[in-house]
Protein backbone atom coordinates (compact mmCIF):
# COMPACT_ATOMS: atom_id res chain seq x y z
CA ALA A 1 0.00 0.00 0.00
CA GLY A 2 1.07 3.61 -0.65
CA CYS A 3 1.40 6.58 1.65
CA ASP A 4 -1.87 8.42 2.27
CA LEU A 5 -0.11 11.81 2.55
CA CYS A 6 2.40 11.98 -0.30
CA ALA A 7 1.11 9.12 -2.48
CA ASP A 8 4.69 8.64 -3.67
CA GLY A 9 6.38 6.36 -1.15
CA ALA A 10 5.38 2.92 0.12
CA ALA A 11 3.59 2.79 3.44
CA ALA A 12 6.03 1.93 6.23
CA GLY A 13 3.98 3.01 9.25
CA ARG A 14 0.56 4.00 10.47
CA CYS A 15 -0.66 6.77 12.76
CA LEU A 16 -2.95 5.20 15.31
CA THR A 17 -4.39 8.63 16.10
CA CYS A 18 -5.10 9.80 12.54
CA GLY A 19 -5.58 6.40 11.00
CA VAL A 20 -3.48 7.18 7.92
CA ARG A 21 -0.71 5.16 6.31
CA LEU A 22 2.65 6.91 6.17
CA CYS A 23 5.89 6.36 4.30
CA ARG A 24 9.16 6.61 6.23
CA PHE A 25 9.67 10.31 5.38
CA CYS A 26 6.12 11.20 6.36
CA CYS A 27 6.51 9.16 9.59
CA ARG A 28 9.49 11.33 10.59
CA ALA A 29 7.64 14.49 9.56
CA HIS A 30 4.55 13.38 11.50
CA ARG A 31 6.59 13.01 14.68
CA ARG A 32 8.33 16.40 14.25
CA GLN A 33 5.23 18.53 13.64
CA LYS A 34 3.93 20.23 16.78
CA LYS A 35 0.27 19.32 16.19
CA THR A 36 0.93 15.62 15.53
CA ALA A 37 3.91 15.08 17.79
CA SER A 38 1.70 13.44 20.42
CA HIS A 39 0.21 10.93 17.95
CA THR A 40 1.15 7.31 18.14
CA VAL A 41 2.89 6.08 14.98
CA THR A 42 3.76 2.42 14.62
CA GLU A 43 5.73 0.68 11.93
CA LEU A 44 3.79 -1.81 9.87
CA GLU A 45 6.49 -4.46 10.05
CA ASN A 46 6.50 -4.21 13.84
CA THR A 47 2.78 -4.94 14.17
CA LYS A 48 1.92 -8.46 15.18
CA ASP A 49 -0.55 -8.86 12.36
CA CYS A 50 -0.01 -6.96 9.15
CA SER A 51 -3.62 -7.54 8.25
CA GLN A 52 -4.52 -5.27 11.14
CA ALA A 53 -3.04 -2.28 9.27
CA GLY A 54 -6.19 -1.83 7.21
CA LYS A 55 -8.57 -1.90 10.19
CA PRO A 56 -10.26 1.34 11.23
CA LEU A 57 -8.71 3.29 14.07
CA LEU A 58 -10.70 3.94 17.21
CA CYS A 59 -10.85 7.19 19.11
CA PRO A 60 -8.64 7.18 22.22
CA SER A 61 -11.30 9.25 24.06
CA HIS A 62 -14.21 7.12 22.85
CA PRO A 63 -12.92 3.56 22.33
CA THR A 64 -16.09 2.38 20.68
CA GLU A 65 -16.08 5.12 18.01
CA GLU A 66 -14.04 5.09 14.80
CA LEU A 67 -11.95 8.14 13.82
CA GLN A 68 -13.67 9.25 10.64
CA LEU A 69 -13.73 13.06 10.97
CA PHE A 70 -11.02 15.74 11.02
CA CYS A 71 -11.10 18.91 13.15
CA GLU A 72 -9.56 21.79 11.17
CA GLN A 73 -9.09 23.99 14.24
CA CYS A 74 -7.35 21.32 16.31
CA ASP A 75 -5.73 19.76 13.23
CA GLN A 76 -6.43 16.19 14.34
CA PRO A 77 -8.82 13.29 13.52
CA VAL A 78 -11.90 12.99 15.73
CA CYS A 79 -14.88 10.71 16.11
CA ARG A 80 -18.58 11.62 16.08
CA ASP A 81 -18.77 11.82 19.86
CA CYS A 82 -15.81 14.25 19.84
CA VAL A 83 -17.69 16.45 17.35
CA LEU A 84 -20.73 16.46 19.57
CA GLY A 85 -18.60 17.12 22.61
CA ARG A 86 -15.61 19.44 22.97
CA HIS A 87 -15.27 19.98 19.18
CA ARG A 88 -18.87 21.16 18.84
CA GLN A 89 -17.98 24.73 17.79
CA HIS A 90 -15.04 23.63 15.61
CA ARG A 91 -15.05 23.22 11.87
CA CYS A 92 -15.00 19.47 11.16
CA ASP A 93 -15.26 17.39 8.02
CA PHE A 94 -14.85 13.80 6.98
CA ALA A 95 -11.25 12.62 6.67
CA GLY A 96 -11.79 11.55 3.06
CA ASN A 97 -12.84 15.10 2.13
CA VAL A 98 -9.81 16.89 3.59
CA ILE A 99 -7.05 14.33 2.95
CA HIS A 100 -6.39 15.58 -0.59
CA ARG A 101 -5.96 19.19 0.49
CA HIS A 102 -3.58 18.32 3.29
CA GLY A 103 -1.86 15.75 1.15
CA ASP A 104 -1.23 18.36 -1.59
CA THR A 105 0.34 20.67 0.98
CA LEU A 106 2.61 17.89 2.18
CA ARG A 107 3.46 16.98 -1.40
CA GLU A 108 4.53 20.57 -2.12
CA LEU A 109 6.66 20.63 0.99
CA LEU A 110 8.06 17.24 0.05
CA LYS A 111 8.92 18.46 -3.45
CA SER A 112 10.70 21.51 -2.04
CA SER A 113 12.56 19.31 0.46
CA GLN A 114 13.60 16.92 -2.30
CA GLN A 115 14.96 19.88 -4.30
CA HIS A 116 16.96 20.97 -1.30
CA MET A 117 18.23 17.44 -0.89
CA ASP A 118 19.37 17.39 -4.50
CA ALA A 119 21.09 20.75 -4.03
CA LEU A 120 22.76 19.54 -0.84
CA GLU A 121 23.97 16.39 -2.55
CA ASP A 122 25.36 18.53 -5.38
CA VAL A 123 27.13 20.87 -2.92
CA LEU A 124 28.51 17.87 -1.01
CA SER A 125 29.82 16.50 -4.28
CA GLN A 126 31.45 19.85 -5.07
CA VAL A 127 32.94 20.00 -1.57
CA ASP A 128 34.45 16.56 -2.06
CA GLU A 129 35.82 17.56 -5.46
CA MET A 130 37.23 20.80 -4.04
CA GLY A 131 38.85 18.86 -1.22
CA SER A 132 40.54 16.61 -3.78
CA ALA A 133 41.58 19.67 -5.80
CA VAL A 134 43.01 21.36 -2.68
CA ARG A 135 45.02 18.28 -1.81
CA SER A 136 46.31 17.97 -5.36
CA ARG A 137 47.19 21.66 -5.53
CA ALA A 138 48.91 21.53 -2.14
CA GLU A 139 51.01 18.59 -3.30
CA ALA A 140 51.95 20.46 -6.50
CA VAL A 141 52.88 23.61 -4.57
CA ALA A 142 54.87 21.54 -2.08
CA THR A 143 56.82 20.12 -5.02
CA GLU A 144 57.43 23.64 -6.33
CA ILE A 145 58.61 24.78 -2.89
CA CYS A 146 61.00 21.85 -2.63
CA LEU A 147 62.41 22.53 -6.10
CA PHE A 148 62.75 26.24 -5.36
CA THR A 149 64.40 25.81 -1.98
CA THR A 150 66.70 23.09 -3.30
CA GLY A 151 67.80 25.38 -6.11
CA TYR A 152 68.07 28.34 -3.74
CA VAL A 153 70.24 26.37 -1.32
CA LYS A 154 72.41 25.24 -4.21
CA ALA A 155 72.72 28.83 -5.43
CA ILE A 156 73.64 30.08 -1.95
CA GLU A 157 76.20 27.31 -1.52
CA GLU A 158 77.71 28.12 -4.89
CA HIS A 159 77.74 31.83 -4.01
CA ARG A 160 79.39 30.96 -0.68
CA ASP A 161 82.11 28.96 -2.44
CA ARG A 162 82.62 31.80 -4.89
CA LEU A 163 82.96 34.33 -2.07
CA LEU A 164 85.43 32.11 -0.22
CA LYS A 165 87.45 31.66 -3.42
CA GLN A 166 87.42 35.41 -3.98
CA LEU A 167 88.52 35.96 -0.38
CA GLU A 168 91.34 33.44 -0.74
CA ASP A 169 92.54 35.06 -3.97
CA LEU A 170 92.43 38.48 -2.32
CA LYS A 171 94.40 37.21 0.67
CA VAL A 172 97.04 35.60 -1.57
CA GLN A 173 97.29 38.77 -3.64
CA LYS A 174 97.84 40.95 -0.58
CA GLU A 175 100.32 38.48 0.90
CA ASN A 176 102.29 38.34 -2.36
CA LEU A 177 102.48 42.13 -2.49
CA LEU A 178 103.63 42.22 1.12
CA HIS A 179 106.23 39.49 0.47
CA LEU A 180 107.53 41.42 -2.53
CA GLN A 181 107.69 44.66 -0.57
CA LYS A 182 109.37 42.84 2.32
CA ALA A 183 112.00 41.32 0.02
CA GLN A 184 112.75 44.69 -1.55
CA LEU A 185 113.00 46.42 1.82
CA GLN A 186 115.19 43.63 3.23
CA GLN A 187 117.53 43.89 0.26
CA LEU A 188 117.68 47.68 0.57
CA LEU A 189 118.31 47.37 4.31
CA LEU A 190 121.07 44.83 3.71
CA ASP A 191 122.73 47.08 1.13
CA MET A 192 122.49 50.05 3.47
CA ARG A 193 123.81 48.06 6.44
CA THR A 194 126.73 46.87 4.38
CA GLY A 195 127.47 50.39 3.15
CA VAL A 196 127.12 51.85 6.63
CA GLU A 197 129.34 49.20 8.25
CA PHE A 198 131.98 49.63 5.57
CA THR A 199 131.90 53.41 5.93
CA GLU A 200 132.04 53.24 9.73
CA HIS A 201 135.00 50.81 9.55
CA LEU A 202 136.73 53.05 7.03
CA LEU A 203 136.29 56.14 9.18
CA THR A 204 137.44 54.41 12.37
CA SER A 205 140.21 52.12 11.07
CA GLY A 206 141.31 53.56 7.73
CA SER A 207 144.16 55.95 7.26
CA ASP A 208 143.71 59.39 5.90
CA VAL A 209 145.00 58.32 2.53
CA GLU A 210 142.68 55.28 2.43
CA ILE A 211 139.71 57.45 3.29
CA LEU A 212 140.57 59.95 0.61
CA ILE A 213 141.13 57.20 -1.95
CA THR A 214 137.77 55.44 -1.31
CA LYS A 215 135.79 58.57 -0.49
CA GLY A 216 134.39 58.96 -3.98
CA VAL A 217 133.19 55.36 -4.30
CA VAL A 218 131.72 55.28 -0.79
CA SER A 219 129.95 58.63 -1.24
CA SER A 220 128.52 57.55 -4.57
CA ARG A 221 127.29 54.29 -3.07
CA LEU A 222 125.68 55.91 -0.03
CA THR A 223 124.15 58.69 -2.15
CA LYS A 224 122.62 56.11 -4.47
CA LEU A 225 121.25 54.09 -1.54
CA ASN A 226 119.81 57.20 0.07
CA SER A 227 118.08 58.18 -3.15
CA VAL A 228 116.23 54.88 -3.48
CA ALA A 229 112.50 55.56 -3.07
CA TYR A 230 110.55 53.26 -0.81
CA SER A 231 107.17 53.40 0.87
CA THR A 232 107.09 54.13 4.56
CA HIS A 233 103.89 52.10 4.91
CA PRO A 234 102.87 48.58 3.91
CA SER A 235 101.94 48.42 0.24
CA VAL A 236 98.50 46.98 1.11
CA ASP A 237 96.16 47.22 4.06
CA ASP A 238 93.90 44.76 5.83
CA ARG A 239 90.73 46.35 4.51
CA ILE A 240 88.63 43.28 3.79
CA GLN A 241 84.95 43.56 4.62
CA PHE A 242 81.89 41.47 3.98
CA SER A 243 78.64 43.30 3.23
CA PRO A 244 75.71 40.87 3.59
CA HIS A 245 73.17 43.33 2.19
CA GLU A 246 75.15 44.11 -0.98
CA ARG A 247 73.50 42.87 -4.17
CA ALA A 248 75.71 40.25 -5.79
CA GLY A 249 73.81 39.62 -9.02
CA GLN A 250 72.46 36.27 -10.22
CA CYS A 251 73.61 32.80 -9.26
CA CYS A 252 71.93 29.74 -10.80
CA GLY A 253 69.01 31.97 -11.76
CA TYR A 254 68.51 33.32 -8.22
CA GLU A 255 69.33 36.79 -6.95
CA VAL A 256 71.91 36.55 -4.19
CA PHE A 257 73.28 39.00 -1.66
CA GLY A 258 76.63 39.43 0.03
CA ALA A 259 79.85 40.83 -1.40
CA ILE A 260 83.46 41.26 -0.33
CA LEU A 261 84.54 44.89 -0.16
CA ASN A 262 88.27 45.44 -0.39
CA LYS A 263 88.48 48.81 -2.09
CA ALA A 264 89.89 51.62 0.01
CA VAL A 265 89.23 55.21 -0.98
CA ASP A 266 92.33 57.27 -1.77
CA PRO A 267 91.64 60.98 -1.19
CA ALA A 268 94.61 61.95 -3.38
CA ARG A 269 92.95 60.19 -6.34
CA CYS A 270 89.44 61.53 -5.78
CA THR A 271 88.47 64.17 -8.35
CA LEU A 272 86.05 67.10 -8.56
CA HIS A 273 83.83 67.81 -11.56
CA GLY A 274 81.22 70.35 -12.60
CA GLU A 275 80.62 73.44 -14.73
CA ASP A 276 80.22 75.61 -11.60
CA LEU A 277 83.41 74.31 -10.00
CA HIS A 278 85.19 77.69 -9.98
CA SER A 279 82.37 80.17 -10.55
CA ALA A 280 78.93 80.83 -9.11
CA GLY A 281 76.24 83.48 -9.01
CA GLN A 282 75.00 85.46 -6.08
CA ASN A 283 71.88 83.88 -4.55
CA GLN A 284 71.96 81.27 -7.31
CA PRO A 285 72.07 77.50 -6.64
CA SER A 286 75.49 76.13 -7.54
CA GLY A 287 77.35 72.90 -7.03
CA PHE A 288 79.83 70.32 -8.18
CA THR A 289 80.41 66.56 -8.00
CA LEU A 290 82.98 64.56 -6.06
CA LEU A 291 84.11 61.28 -7.64
CA CYS A 292 85.75 58.92 -5.16
CA LYS A 293 88.43 56.49 -6.37
CA ASP A 294 90.45 53.75 -4.74
CA THR A 295 94.21 53.38 -4.45
CA THR A 296 94.42 52.03 -8.01
CA GLY A 297 92.51 54.96 -9.47
CA GLU A 298 89.35 52.96 -10.11
CA ARG A 299 85.94 54.28 -9.21
CA MET A 300 84.73 53.09 -5.82
CA GLY A 301 81.27 52.20 -7.06
CA ARG A 302 79.68 52.54 -3.61
CA GLY A 303 79.00 55.28 -1.10
CA GLY A 304 79.29 55.58 2.64
CA GLU A 305 82.44 57.69 2.82
CA THR A 306 82.83 60.59 5.24
CA VAL A 307 82.89 63.74 3.10
CA ARG A 308 83.45 67.14 4.70
CA VAL A 309 83.07 70.39 2.72
CA THR A 310 83.71 73.94 3.91
CA ILE A 311 83.07 77.12 1.89
CA THR A 312 84.30 80.37 3.43
CA HIS A 313 84.62 83.94 2.13
CA LYS A 314 88.25 85.00 1.73
CA ASP A 315 87.64 88.66 2.67
CA LYS A 316 84.86 88.18 5.22
CA ARG A 317 85.80 85.59 7.78
CA ASP A 318 82.37 85.59 9.36
CA CYS A 319 80.77 84.88 5.97
CA ALA A 320 80.46 81.16 5.28
CA VAL A 321 78.18 79.04 3.14
CA LYS A 322 76.65 75.84 4.46
CA PRO A 323 76.88 73.22 1.72
CA THR A 324 74.72 70.13 1.30
CA VAL A 325 76.41 66.78 0.55
CA CYS A 326 74.28 64.11 -1.13
CA ASP A 327 75.61 60.55 -1.25
CA ASN A 328 74.48 58.96 -4.54
CA GLY A 329 75.52 55.50 -3.37
CA ASP A 330 77.67 54.87 -6.47
CA GLY A 331 80.91 56.55 -5.41
CA THR A 332 79.80 60.06 -6.36
CA TYR A 333 78.70 62.86 -4.06
CA CYS A 334 76.79 65.97 -5.11
CA ILE A 335 77.77 69.14 -3.23
CA SER A 336 75.32 72.04 -3.58
CA TYR A 337 75.28 75.52 -2.03
CA VAL A 338 73.79 79.01 -2.48
CA PRO A 339 76.23 81.91 -1.87
CA GLU A 340 74.62 85.09 -0.56
CA GLU A 341 77.61 87.43 -0.88
CA PRO A 342 79.72 88.05 -3.99
CA GLY A 343 83.51 87.66 -3.88
CA LEU A 344 86.13 84.95 -3.62
CA TYR A 345 85.45 81.81 -1.59
CA ALA A 346 87.86 79.10 -0.45
CA VAL A 347 86.43 75.62 -0.86
CA CYS A 348 87.88 72.62 0.99
CA VAL A 349 86.75 69.07 0.20
CA CYS A 350 88.06 66.34 2.48
CA VAL A 351 87.48 62.59 2.48
CA ARG A 352 88.40 60.78 5.68
CA GLY A 353 90.06 63.93 6.92
CA GLN A 354 92.33 64.37 3.87
CA HIS A 355 92.04 66.84 1.00
CA VAL A 356 90.99 65.41 -2.33
CA GLN A 357 92.74 66.17 -5.58
CA GLY A 358 92.45 69.90 -6.34
CA SER A 359 91.39 70.89 -2.81
CA PRO A 360 91.40 73.58 -1.58
CA PHE A 361 90.32 75.68 -4.57
CA THR A 362 88.80 79.11 -5.17
CA VAL A 363 85.29 79.93 -6.34
CA THR A 364 84.41 83.35 -7.72
CA VAL A 365 80.88 84.41 -6.82
CA LYS A 366 79.64 87.15 -9.12
CA HIS A 367 76.95 89.60 -8.09
CA LYS A 368 73.49 88.99 -9.40
CA PHE A 369 73.10 89.90 -13.06
CA ARG A 370 70.90 92.99 -13.35
CA GLU A 371 68.35 92.67 -16.09
CA HIS A 372 67.35 95.71 -18.14
CA HIS A 373 63.95 97.12 -17.21
CA GLY A 374 63.74 99.40 -20.21
CA VAL A 375 63.45 98.82 -23.95
CA PHE A 376 66.18 98.42 -26.52
CA HIS A 377 65.16 101.08 -29.04
CA CYS A 378 66.41 103.61 -31.56
CA CYS A 379 64.62 106.63 -29.98
CA THR A 380 61.73 107.52 -27.68
CA PHE A 381 59.76 108.97 -30.58
CA CYS A 382 59.37 105.53 -32.19
CA SER A 383 59.11 103.43 -29.04
CA SER A 384 56.47 105.68 -27.42
CA GLY A 385 54.40 106.32 -30.47
CA GLY A 386 55.40 109.99 -30.69
CA GLN A 387 54.62 111.00 -27.10
CA LYS A 388 56.41 114.21 -26.07
CA ALA A 389 56.64 113.26 -22.35
CA ALA A 390 58.55 110.02 -22.99
CA ARG A 391 62.16 110.25 -21.81
CA CYS A 392 65.27 108.12 -22.14
CA ALA A 393 68.18 107.46 -19.79
CA CYS A 394 70.65 108.47 -22.50
CA GLY A 395 69.71 112.10 -21.79
CA GLY A 396 69.05 112.99 -25.41
CA THR A 397 66.21 115.37 -26.37
CA MET A 398 64.49 116.46 -29.58
CA PRO A 399 63.34 119.90 -30.66
CA GLY A 400 59.68 120.80 -30.56
CA GLY A 401 59.09 120.15 -26.86
CA TYR A 402 60.02 116.41 -26.89
CA GLN A 403 61.68 115.36 -23.62
CA GLY A 404 63.19 112.17 -25.11
CA CYS A 405 65.76 111.34 -27.77
CA GLY A 406 65.36 111.04 -31.49
CA HIS A 407 67.23 109.67 -34.48
CA GLY A 408 70.80 110.91 -34.64
CA HIS A 409 70.76 112.69 -31.28
CA LYS A 410 74.03 113.54 -29.57
CA GLY A 411 75.61 110.59 -27.80
CA HIS A 412 73.90 107.81 -29.76
CA PRO A 413 73.56 109.00 -33.32
CA GLY A 414 71.51 106.35 -35.07
CA CYS A 415 72.55 103.65 -32.56
CA HIS A 416 70.13 101.39 -30.68
CA HIS A 417 70.41 101.64 -26.91
CA TRP A 418 68.62 100.72 -23.68
CA SER A 419 66.13 103.30 -22.46
CA CYS A 420 66.84 102.45 -18.79
CA CYS A 421 70.60 103.03 -18.69
CA GLY A 422 71.77 104.03 -22.17
CA GLN A 423 73.83 100.86 -22.79
CA VAL A 424 74.33 100.24 -26.50
CA LYS A 425 74.95 96.46 -26.15
CA GLU A 426 71.74 94.49 -26.08
CA SER A 427 73.11 91.57 -24.00
CA SER A 428 74.79 93.84 -21.46
CA GLU A 429 74.04 94.18 -17.76
CA CYS A 430 71.92 97.08 -16.62
CA LEU A 431 73.95 99.85 -14.96
CA CYS A 432 71.11 101.30 -12.91
CA GLY A 433 68.82 99.89 -10.27
CA PRO A 434 65.14 99.15 -10.64
CA PRO A 435 62.97 102.14 -11.66
CA SER A 436 61.08 104.16 -9.06
CA ASP A 437 57.43 105.12 -9.34
CA THR A 438 58.13 108.89 -9.22
CA SER A 439 61.33 109.69 -11.10
CA GLN A 440 60.85 107.17 -13.91
CA ARG A 441 57.09 107.35 -14.46
CA SER A 442 57.33 108.58 -18.06
CA LEU A 443 60.20 106.17 -18.70
CA LEU A 444 58.13 103.28 -17.44
CA ARG A 445 55.42 104.24 -19.84
CA THR A 446 57.94 104.19 -22.62
CA VAL A 447 59.17 100.76 -21.54
CA ALA A 448 55.66 99.43 -21.44
CA LEU A 449 55.07 100.59 -24.96
């Protein structure tokens, strides 16, 4: 037999209160609903006699009456005595008349639940697939990490061996230079000791004639030994440093860090460069560049040196310029300054407390170039449009009441000149200061025109 509620599943149980057959899903739903939770539902296979499943159900309140009616208000099956009793005012109908309506509602809910079940099964399937994908991806990434780290370790080990080889070569090179210098100094010392001992023996034990005879040879020998040039310091130093943060390029396709620094800056080989090295303008930004080199004359290629720059006025001791030193990190340093007073300045550039090549040197600071505030014209008549009140700094006048100059006037006959100062050279510096509002009013009008 089928389920009386959904009509889809096979009957697996029966509600003793309602008297309807229920499939397994409807049995669980019947027990969960608030209105039917108190009903007694039994499984058909658990009944002693399966033939009893089709028998009518009796009312628990009236054991002799069959449950044939359904109370809509109480949402439960009732018998006739129940309708006449406490369900008198309730809306009741026969179970066969209402089963379809309630069954349709359950079927709709069942359909919706089945759709959710399908969606849940689909999501569970996707979750399982994603779990497999995550595990596979994690294994692939783990393989990539192992390959990367293995290669990185190999690159670092190779870089380490290369650094140690470079350090060993540098040590051998310095030792060889020291051995060579030591051998040369020992030989020079031996020659000098021999010459000194011979000369001392000659002066203490030789006769006057012997001294006079060998004087020339001994003097020549000692003079030659004394003229031999030799360094008063070791030819190399112990400057060997390891910089772990220095970029060391590529190794096995990986960027590695760490470099051996053995270059020592030589102030005597450092040079100064720049167009404004020996000249500057008043209140104008100026500067030059310091290029640091090592003892072999090669560019240092890195910064970090102690650079000290002083700029002082030669005639005014209390007048000094505070320079700015910018380390470019590549062995060059930009020195910039702004002189406020014209004149000669002494510039000292020191690296590690020693003057660099060309330091100290002199810088000539010229006063600020005065621009012309007039017009470069032939005469005030043309430049002012024929105005009689227009004047010119050249002092020339025209007949007819004109206060300014004209063509061929005395001083600048037919020659172009500046109306502000009378200079005849167009690219010259103005000889006068800026115009005033009172004395040069007509001249300003001429300039504006």
